[in-house]
Amino acid sequence: MKTALIIIFIIALVLAALIFAVSVVLAHYVVYPQTVTYEVAHATEEKAGFLKDYDSLPKQAYDVISFDGYIIHGEYIPAAENPGKGRFVILTHGYSYDRLGSVKYMHIFRDMGFNCIEYDLRGHGENEKTIVTMGIKEARDLIAVIDRVHADFGEDIILGLHGESMGSGTEINALQYRPKVDFIVNDCGYGELMSTLVGQVQQQFHMPPFLVSTAAAACRLFYGYSFKDVRPIDALHENNIPILFIHGAEDAFVPCQQSKNMAAATQGESELYLCPGAGHAQSYEKDPEAYREKVRAFVEKHVS
């Protein structure tokens, strides 16, 4: 009997150690993503035909010091007509990529007379490597960019936001700070991170979903925050900024139900466009004309 208890204890100890180890690895995997290089991103976007004349456009470095002294690297691409006047948009890319992922959307806004600011998320692109908080610190970084744009170009400008995936989660999370912006385009964002990670753990790694909770605990222990803290949807309950939610109807990474939930949660005016047949971050690729028209109509409806 005593021997059996010892064996059970050892097995339980080994399982606990294994769960802890896997949880730490999962937390590290999320917090330190395998980001692409600028060269790889450029080649990818060029092959897809998304860069167009990007390389020849006038642009200048637009670096911002964030709330904690962290430097956010970005670029300013002026409108073709009346540069520096009137209309501005800040574009935020997705997880593990860099600001070149925003170029295809930049062209839409630039054609509408917007000056465009693209930047690299914390821990991505040209920025110094650091932990990624999936929209917590990144939201405050975005607020720093918004404040810089207003400081440079005036408080009376029209300013919008466009985000994709983690960039979308970041801009929605930033709403808790009541930013001075006029509209938001939110592409395939998550309203809360936990269920998204549960889906990935099951689909991509074929692991039991409880490991997301243990990984969240490991993340808090080692990196100071929990995945459970990442709930952009909570910032929508008092929001009155109009939002266009765009989501691929076949998104298996961040299910479109997340955008449906956020559209229902916001107190401001919202529209929801589910792109038929599109997967994660593929709505523009699937139907660029429909995407462009949805954005154009929404923006023109909400800016004077």
Protein backbone atom coordinates (compact mmCIF):
# COMPACT_ATOMS: atom_id res chain seq x y z
CA MET A 1 0.00 0.00 0.00
CA LYS A 2 2.79 2.37 0.94
CA THR A 3 4.65 1.57 -2.27
CA ALA A 4 1.52 2.26 -4.34
CA LEU A 5 1.08 5.64 -2.65
CA ILE A 6 4.68 6.52 -3.35
CA ILE A 7 4.26 5.58 -7.03
CA ILE A 8 1.05 7.65 -7.28
CA PHE A 9 2.82 10.58 -5.62
CA ILE A 10 5.75 10.35 -8.03
CA ILE A 11 3.43 10.12 -11.03
CA ALA A 12 1.46 13.16 -9.80
CA LEU A 13 4.70 15.05 -9.23
CA VAL A 14 5.94 14.23 -12.73
CA LEU A 15 2.61 15.26 -14.28
CA ALA A 16 2.61 18.52 -12.32
CA ALA A 17 6.17 19.22 -13.44
CA LEU A 18 5.25 18.43 -17.04
CA ILE A 19 2.19 20.69 -16.94
CA PHE A 20 4.30 23.47 -15.41
CA ALA A 21 6.99 23.08 -18.06
CA VAL A 22 4.49 23.07 -20.94
CA SER A 23 2.73 26.10 -19.44
CA VAL A 24 5.99 28.03 -19.22
CA VAL A 25 6.81 27.17 -22.84
CA LEU A 26 3.36 28.25 -24.02
CA ALA A 27 3.61 31.53 -22.14
CA HIS A 28 7.04 32.18 -23.62
CA TYR A 29 5.74 31.32 -27.08
CA VAL A 30 3.05 34.02 -26.81
CA VAL A 31 5.18 36.65 -25.08
CA TYR A 32 8.19 36.30 -27.39
CA PRO A 33 6.74 35.68 -30.87
CA GLN A 34 8.87 34.55 -33.77
CA THR A 35 8.70 37.83 -35.65
CA VAL A 36 9.51 38.16 -39.33
CA THR A 37 12.35 40.27 -40.64
CA TYR A 38 11.72 43.39 -42.70
CA GLU A 39 13.15 41.62 -45.74
CA VAL A 40 10.78 38.66 -45.38
CA ALA A 41 7.78 40.92 -44.82
CA HIS A 42 8.72 43.05 -47.82
CA ALA A 43 9.10 40.00 -50.06
CA THR A 44 5.77 38.59 -48.83
CA GLU A 45 3.83 41.78 -49.39
CA GLU A 46 5.49 42.39 -52.75
CA LYS A 47 4.65 38.89 -53.95
CA ALA A 48 1.02 39.41 -52.92
CA GLY A 49 0.92 42.68 -54.87
CA PHE A 50 0.17 44.73 -51.77
CA LEU A 51 3.13 47.13 -51.87
CA LYS A 52 2.28 48.77 -55.19
CA ASP A 53 4.32 52.01 -55.31
CA TYR A 54 5.16 51.95 -51.59
CA ASP A 55 8.93 51.96 -52.05
CA SER A 56 8.83 55.13 -54.13
CA LEU A 57 6.39 57.06 -51.94
CA PRO A 58 7.69 59.98 -49.89
CA LYS A 59 8.04 58.91 -46.27
CA GLN A 60 9.88 59.87 -43.16
CA ALA A 61 10.74 58.21 -39.87
CA TYR A 62 8.13 58.79 -37.18
CA ASP A 63 9.44 57.53 -33.86
CA VAL A 64 7.50 57.94 -30.63
CA ILE A 65 8.62 57.66 -27.00
CA SER A 66 5.98 55.68 -25.14
CA PHE A 67 4.78 55.92 -21.54
CA ASP A 68 7.68 53.87 -20.15
CA GLY A 69 10.45 55.33 -22.30
CA TYR A 70 10.21 52.54 -24.87
CA ILE A 71 10.81 53.83 -28.40
CA ILE A 72 8.19 52.97 -31.02
CA HIS A 73 9.56 53.08 -34.56
CA GLY A 74 7.23 54.11 -37.35
CA GLU A 75 6.93 56.11 -40.51
CA TYR A 76 4.84 58.98 -41.79
CA ILE A 77 3.57 58.82 -45.36
CA PRO A 78 1.86 62.06 -46.38
CA ALA A 79 -1.26 62.26 -48.48
CA ALA A 80 -0.75 62.80 -52.18
CA GLU A 81 -2.64 66.10 -51.98
CA ASN A 82 -2.51 68.68 -49.18
CA PRO A 83 0.06 66.70 -47.17
CA GLY A 84 0.03 67.37 -43.44
CA LYS A 85 -3.45 68.86 -43.58
CA GLY A 86 -6.82 67.68 -42.43
CA ARG A 87 -7.02 63.89 -42.42
CA PHE A 88 -4.80 61.36 -40.63
CA VAL A 89 -4.95 57.65 -39.91
CA ILE A 90 -2.78 55.47 -37.67
CA LEU A 91 -2.39 51.86 -38.84
CA THR A 92 -1.45 48.99 -36.52
CA HIS A 93 -0.29 45.61 -37.83
CA GLY A 94 -0.78 42.11 -36.47
CA TYR A 95 1.05 39.70 -34.17
CA SER A 96 4.55 38.58 -35.22
CA TYR A 97 4.59 40.82 -38.33
CA ASP A 98 5.70 44.43 -38.83
CA ARG A 99 4.30 47.67 -40.20
CA LEU A 100 4.60 46.51 -43.82
CA GLY A 101 1.48 44.48 -43.11
CA SER A 102 -0.43 47.78 -42.98
CA VAL A 103 0.68 49.01 -46.40
CA LYS A 104 -2.25 47.48 -48.31
CA TYR A 105 -4.65 49.37 -46.03
CA MET A 106 -2.53 52.51 -46.16
CA HIS A 107 -3.19 52.75 -49.91
CA ILE A 108 -6.94 52.80 -49.27
CA PHE A 109 -6.68 55.71 -46.87
CA ARG A 110 -4.09 57.59 -48.88
CA ASP A 111 -6.39 57.45 -51.91
CA MET A 112 -9.01 59.09 -49.68
CA GLY A 113 -6.70 61.98 -48.83
CA PHE A 114 -5.37 60.68 -45.51
CA ASN A 115 -1.87 61.18 -44.20
CA CYS A 116 -0.77 57.80 -42.86
CA ILE A 117 1.26 56.75 -39.83
CA GLU A 118 2.40 53.13 -39.72
CA TYR A 119 4.39 51.82 -36.78
CA ASP A 120 5.84 48.62 -35.37
CA LEU A 121 4.17 47.09 -32.35
CA ARG A 122 6.19 46.69 -29.16
CA GLY A 123 8.67 43.83 -29.60
CA HIS A 124 8.17 43.77 -33.36
CA GLY A 125 9.87 45.17 -36.45
CA GLU A 126 12.59 47.75 -35.81
CA ASN A 127 11.68 48.05 -32.15
CA GLU A 128 13.86 46.71 -29.36
CA LYS A 129 13.00 43.15 -28.39
CA THR A 130 10.82 43.02 -25.32
CA ILE A 131 7.84 41.08 -24.02
CA VAL A 132 4.61 41.30 -25.96
CA THR A 133 1.53 41.93 -23.81
CA MET A 134 -1.10 41.29 -26.50
CA GLY A 135 -2.62 44.76 -26.25
CA ILE A 136 -2.03 45.87 -22.65
CA LYS A 137 1.14 47.95 -22.94
CA GLU A 138 0.59 48.17 -26.69
CA ALA A 139 -2.62 50.14 -26.10
CA ARG A 140 -0.65 52.74 -24.14
CA ASP A 141 1.92 52.80 -26.95
CA LEU A 142 -0.88 53.58 -29.39
CA ILE A 143 -2.09 56.38 -27.11
CA ALA A 144 1.44 57.81 -27.24
CA VAL A 145 1.31 57.74 -31.06
CA ILE A 146 -2.13 59.39 -31.05
CA ASP A 147 -0.90 62.12 -28.69
CA ARG A 148 2.17 62.70 -30.86
CA VAL A 149 0.05 63.09 -34.00
CA HIS A 150 -2.19 65.63 -32.28
CA ALA A 151 0.84 67.49 -30.93
CA ASP A 152 2.42 67.62 -34.40
CA PHE A 153 -0.62 68.40 -36.51
CA GLY A 154 -3.23 69.93 -34.20
CA GLU A 155 -6.18 68.96 -32.05
CA ASP A 156 -8.71 69.81 -34.77
CA ILE A 157 -7.56 67.22 -37.32
CA ILE A 158 -9.64 64.23 -38.35
CA LEU A 159 -7.88 61.17 -36.95
CA GLY A 160 -8.83 57.54 -37.49
CA LEU A 161 -7.41 54.15 -36.54
CA HIS A 162 -7.06 50.96 -38.53
CA GLY A 163 -5.91 47.70 -36.96
CA GLU A 164 -5.49 44.10 -38.01
CA SER A 165 -5.60 41.12 -35.62
CA MET A 166 -3.47 42.03 -32.59
CA GLY A 167 -3.44 45.58 -33.93
CA SER A 168 -7.23 45.49 -33.71
CA GLY A 169 -7.15 44.20 -30.16
CA THR A 170 -4.68 46.96 -29.34
CA GLU A 171 -6.82 49.79 -30.71
CA ILE A 172 -9.97 48.54 -28.97
CA ASN A 173 -8.08 48.15 -25.69
CA ALA A 174 -6.84 51.73 -26.11
CA LEU A 175 -10.43 52.99 -25.90
CA GLN A 176 -10.27 52.72 -22.12
CA TYR A 177 -8.01 55.80 -22.24
CA ARG A 178 -10.61 57.82 -24.16
CA PRO A 179 -8.43 58.73 -27.16
CA LYS A 180 -9.35 61.69 -29.35
CA VAL A 181 -10.11 59.82 -32.57
CA ASP A 182 -13.01 60.07 -34.99
CA PHE A 183 -13.43 56.53 -36.31
CA ILE A 184 -11.98 53.03 -36.07
CA VAL A 185 -11.67 50.22 -38.61
CA ASN A 186 -11.17 46.96 -36.73
CA ASP A 187 -10.12 43.97 -38.83
CA CYS A 188 -10.27 40.44 -37.33
CA GLY A 189 -9.63 41.57 -33.77
CA TYR A 190 -10.21 39.68 -30.54
CA GLY A 191 -12.45 40.94 -27.77
CA GLU A 192 -10.89 38.62 -25.23
CA LEU A 193 -7.71 36.62 -25.61
CA MET A 194 -8.34 33.46 -23.60
CA SER A 195 -10.83 31.80 -25.93
CA THR A 196 -8.63 32.59 -28.92
CA LEU A 197 -5.68 30.88 -27.25
CA VAL A 198 -7.84 27.93 -26.23
CA GLY A 199 -8.77 27.43 -29.87
CA GLN A 200 -5.14 27.59 -30.95
CA VAL A 201 -3.94 25.18 -28.28
CA GLN A 202 -6.55 22.68 -29.41
CA GLN A 203 -6.24 23.18 -33.18
CA GLN A 204 -2.55 23.90 -33.64
CA PHE A 205 -0.93 21.97 -30.80
CA HIS A 206 -3.62 19.36 -30.09
CA MET A 207 -3.34 19.99 -26.36
CA PRO A 208 -6.07 20.13 -23.70
CA PRO A 209 -7.61 23.60 -23.22
CA PHE A 210 -6.86 23.76 -19.48
CA LEU A 211 -3.22 24.42 -20.40
CA VAL A 212 -4.19 27.95 -21.46
CA SER A 213 -5.22 28.70 -17.88
CA THR A 214 -1.99 27.27 -16.49
CA ALA A 215 -0.01 29.16 -19.16
CA ALA A 216 -1.87 32.33 -18.15
CA ALA A 217 -0.74 31.75 -14.57
CA ALA A 218 2.83 31.17 -15.75
CA CYS A 219 2.67 34.35 -17.79
CA ARG A 220 1.63 36.33 -14.71
CA LEU A 221 4.39 34.71 -12.66
CA PHE A 222 7.20 35.32 -15.13
CA TYR A 223 6.03 38.30 -17.21
CA GLY A 224 3.73 40.28 -14.93
CA TYR A 225 0.39 39.85 -16.66
CA SER A 226 -2.15 37.13 -17.39
CA PHE A 227 -3.82 36.30 -20.67
CA LYS A 228 -7.06 36.69 -18.72
CA ASP A 229 -6.26 40.41 -18.39
CA VAL A 230 -6.48 40.90 -22.16
CA ARG A 231 -10.14 41.78 -22.67
CA PRO A 232 -10.47 44.66 -25.16
CA ILE A 233 -14.24 44.14 -25.21
CA ASP A 234 -14.44 45.65 -21.73
CA ALA A 235 -13.26 48.99 -23.14
CA LEU A 236 -16.32 49.16 -25.40
CA HIS A 237 -18.98 49.51 -22.72
CA GLU A 238 -18.63 53.30 -22.59
CA ASN A 239 -17.30 53.85 -26.09
CA ASN A 240 -19.00 56.29 -28.47
CA ILE A 241 -16.46 56.28 -31.32
CA PRO A 242 -17.92 54.71 -34.49
CA ILE A 243 -16.33 51.38 -35.37
CA LEU A 244 -16.38 49.32 -38.54
CA PHE A 245 -15.76 45.68 -37.62
CA ILE A 246 -14.40 43.55 -40.47
CA HIS A 247 -13.84 39.84 -40.11
CA GLY A 248 -13.28 36.84 -42.34
CA ALA A 249 -16.37 34.67 -42.13
CA GLU A 250 -14.17 31.55 -42.18
CA ASP A 251 -11.58 32.78 -39.67
CA ALA A 252 -10.44 29.77 -37.65
CA PHE A 253 -7.74 31.68 -35.74
CA VAL A 254 -9.87 34.45 -34.24
CA PRO A 255 -13.49 33.37 -34.87
CA CYS A 256 -15.74 36.07 -36.30
CA GLN A 257 -17.98 35.67 -33.24
CA GLN A 258 -15.45 37.89 -31.45
CA SER A 259 -16.26 40.80 -33.77
CA LYS A 260 -19.96 40.07 -33.44
CA ASN A 261 -19.62 40.27 -29.68
CA MET A 262 -17.72 43.54 -29.84
CA ALA A 263 -20.19 45.10 -32.27
CA ALA A 264 -22.96 44.25 -29.80
CA ALA A 265 -20.96 45.56 -26.82
CA THR A 266 -20.00 49.01 -28.08
CA GLN A 267 -22.17 51.96 -27.11
CA GLY A 268 -21.18 53.87 -30.23
CA GLU A 269 -22.37 53.32 -33.77
CA SER A 270 -20.97 50.19 -35.35
CA GLU A 271 -21.10 48.24 -38.60
CA LEU A 272 -20.10 44.63 -39.14
CA TYR A 273 -18.81 43.22 -42.41
CA LEU A 274 -18.14 39.49 -42.57
CA CYS A 275 -16.17 38.72 -45.71
CA PRO A 276 -17.44 35.45 -47.26
CA GLY A 277 -14.79 32.75 -47.62
CA ALA A 278 -12.03 34.73 -45.91
CA GLY A 279 -9.77 33.31 -43.21
CA HIS A 280 -7.79 35.20 -40.63
CA ALA A 281 -6.57 38.60 -41.89
CA GLN A 282 -7.60 37.64 -45.42
CA SER A 283 -10.64 39.87 -45.97
CA TYR A 284 -8.74 42.38 -48.09
CA GLU A 285 -6.97 39.64 -50.04
CA LYS A 286 -10.25 37.82 -50.65
CA ASP A 287 -12.19 40.80 -51.95
CA PRO A 288 -10.15 44.03 -52.12
CA GLU A 289 -12.87 46.00 -53.92
CA ALA A 290 -15.52 45.16 -51.34
CA TYR A 291 -13.06 45.92 -48.53
CA ARG A 292 -12.11 49.26 -50.03
CA GLU A 293 -15.73 50.25 -50.56
CA LYS A 294 -16.79 49.25 -47.04
CA VAL A 295 -14.00 51.36 -45.56
CA ARG A 296 -14.61 54.32 -47.88
CA ALA A 297 -18.34 54.42 -47.22
CA PHE A 298 -17.90 54.07 -43.46
CA VAL A 299 -15.22 56.73 -43.19
CA GLU A 300 -17.04 59.25 -45.37
CA LYS A 301 -20.18 58.70 -43.32
CA HIS A 302 -18.41 59.65 -40.11
CA VAL A 303 -16.01 62.44 -41.12
CA SER A 304 -16.87 65.83 -42.50
